[in-house]
């Protein structure tokens, strides 16, 4: 799979993904679906590690030929790479927003954004 294929898959999966939403009160809060690529990456990593261990032990792979095992492992690795690329993309966007807020605070700039209390707690590190 080429890098262009991976980038195409990334664009389809996270195209139009909003990190934040405006709630009923007009406050900005985190869009719950924006964390899905991160969860998918964690699941893909877990499935890939499980497959690697099964192949090492020979468990659940006795009926598979060596070529089938290599193919299954390659597919799992490709799926993991796509999922991690999407997760990195989302995390980079969250990181950028955090740096933007931090820069505004350091320069004592007023940002007229109505933040939801839950999002404000995240930024302040309050439980």
Protein backbone atom coordinates (compact mmCIF):
# COMPACT_ATOMS: atom_id res chain seq x y z
CA UNK A 1 0.00 0.00 0.00
CA UNK A 2 1.44 3.36 -1.00
CA UNK A 3 1.52 6.55 1.02
CA UNK A 4 -1.05 8.07 -1.38
CA UNK A 5 -3.44 5.20 -0.54
CA UNK A 6 -2.95 5.82 3.17
CA UNK A 7 -3.51 9.55 2.76
CA UNK A 8 -6.66 8.88 0.72
CA UNK A 9 -8.02 6.62 3.45
CA UNK A 10 -7.15 9.27 6.03
CA UNK A 11 -8.98 11.97 4.10
CA UNK A 12 -12.13 9.83 3.76
CA UNK A 13 -12.20 8.87 7.42
CA UNK A 14 -11.60 12.26 8.99
CA UNK A 15 -12.96 14.56 6.29
CA UNK A 16 -15.24 17.08 7.89
CA UNK A 17 -14.51 15.78 11.37
CA UNK A 18 -15.28 18.53 13.84
CA UNK A 19 -13.29 18.61 17.05
CA UNK A 20 -15.67 20.98 18.78
CA UNK A 21 -19.37 21.72 18.69
CA UNK A 22 -21.66 24.42 19.98
CA UNK A 23 -24.01 23.03 22.60
CA UNK A 24 -27.61 24.07 23.36
CA UNK A 25 -26.42 26.93 25.57
CA UNK A 26 -24.14 28.33 22.86
CA UNK A 27 -20.97 27.11 24.55
CA UNK A 28 -18.13 25.38 22.74
CA UNK A 29 -17.54 21.79 23.82
CA UNK A 30 -15.69 18.71 22.54
CA UNK A 31 -17.48 16.79 19.77
CA UNK A 32 -17.75 13.20 21.08
CA UNK A 33 -17.28 11.64 17.63
CA UNK A 34 -13.93 13.40 17.25
CA UNK A 35 -12.34 10.82 19.55
CA UNK A 36 -13.46 7.82 17.44
CA UNK A 37 -10.27 7.65 15.34
CA UNK A 38 -8.25 7.44 18.56
CA UNK A 39 -10.41 4.57 19.83
CA UNK A 40 -10.17 2.81 16.46
CA UNK A 41 -6.38 3.05 16.58
CA UNK A 42 -6.31 1.51 20.05
CA UNK A 43 -8.55 -1.35 18.91
CA UNK A 44 -6.48 -1.90 15.76
CA UNK A 45 -3.28 -2.00 17.86
CA UNK A 46 -4.84 -4.54 20.22
CA UNK A 47 -6.08 -6.74 17.35
CA UNK A 48 -2.68 -6.61 15.61
CA UNK A 49 -0.79 -7.56 18.77
CA UNK A 50 -3.26 -10.38 19.43
CA UNK A 51 -2.79 -11.69 15.86
CA UNK A 52 1.01 -11.53 16.19
CA UNK A 53 0.87 -13.51 19.45
CA UNK A 54 -1.51 -16.09 17.96
CA UNK A 55 0.80 -16.57 15.00
CA UNK A 56 3.83 -16.92 17.30
CA UNK A 57 2.10 -19.56 19.42
CA UNK A 58 0.47 -21.21 16.43
CA UNK A 59 -2.89 -20.81 18.17
CA UNK A 60 -5.94 -20.44 15.93
CA UNK A 61 -3.64 -20.52 12.90
CA UNK A 62 -3.11 -24.25 12.47
CA UNK A 63 -5.42 -24.35 9.46
CA UNK A 64 -3.69 -21.37 7.83
CA UNK A 65 -0.76 -21.75 5.49
CA UNK A 66 2.36 -19.64 5.97
CA UNK A 67 1.30 -17.41 3.08
CA UNK A 68 -2.15 -16.89 4.61
CA UNK A 69 -0.57 -15.96 7.94
CA UNK A 70 1.75 -13.44 6.26
CA UNK A 71 -1.21 -11.99 4.33
CA UNK A 72 -3.34 -11.68 7.49
CA UNK A 73 -0.47 -10.01 9.32
CA UNK A 74 0.15 -7.59 6.44
CA UNK A 75 -3.54 -6.64 6.29
CA UNK A 76 -3.59 -6.12 10.04
CA UNK A 77 -0.46 -3.95 9.84
CA UNK A 78 -1.97 -1.85 7.03
CA UNK A 79 -5.22 -1.36 8.98
CA UNK A 80 -3.19 -0.39 12.05
CA UNK A 81 -1.17 2.13 10.04
CA UNK A 82 -4.32 3.77 8.64
CA UNK A 83 -5.96 3.92 12.08
CA UNK A 84 -2.85 5.40 13.69
CA UNK A 85 -2.53 8.01 10.91
CA UNK A 86 -6.12 9.12 11.54
CA UNK A 87 -5.54 9.22 15.29
CA UNK A 88 -2.35 11.27 14.86
CA UNK A 89 -4.25 13.69 12.62
CA UNK A 90 -6.95 14.24 15.27
CA UNK A 91 -4.43 14.50 18.11
CA UNK A 92 -2.41 17.05 16.13
CA UNK A 93 -5.55 19.16 15.67
CA UNK A 94 -6.31 19.03 19.41
CA UNK A 95 -2.68 19.89 20.13
CA UNK A 96 -2.85 22.89 17.82
CA UNK A 97 -5.96 24.17 19.59
CA UNK A 98 -4.23 23.74 22.94
CA UNK A 99 -1.16 25.65 21.75
CA UNK A 100 -3.40 28.41 20.40
CA UNK A 101 -5.15 28.81 23.75
CA UNK A 102 -1.83 28.66 25.62
CA UNK A 103 -0.30 31.34 23.39
CA UNK A 104 -3.29 33.60 23.96
CA UNK A 105 -3.01 33.11 27.73
CA UNK A 106 0.74 33.80 27.73
CA UNK A 107 0.24 37.00 25.79
CA UNK A 108 -2.68 37.97 28.01
CA UNK A 109 -5.03 38.12 25.05
CA UNK A 110 -8.75 37.88 25.62
CA UNK A 111 -10.41 35.17 23.59
CA UNK A 112 -14.13 35.73 23.32
CA UNK A 113 -15.05 32.07 23.11
CA UNK A 114 -17.87 30.76 25.28
CA UNK A 115 -16.30 27.50 26.53
CA UNK A 116 -18.44 24.77 28.04
CA UNK A 117 -17.55 24.12 31.71
CA UNK A 118 -16.37 20.59 30.89
CA UNK A 119 -13.98 21.87 28.20
CA UNK A 120 -12.73 24.64 30.45
CA UNK A 121 -11.97 22.05 33.14
CA UNK A 122 -9.96 20.05 30.61
CA UNK A 123 -7.91 23.12 29.70
CA UNK A 124 -7.33 23.98 33.35
CA UNK A 125 -6.55 20.40 34.36
CA UNK A 126 -9.31 20.35 36.96
CA UNK A 127 -11.08 16.98 37.57
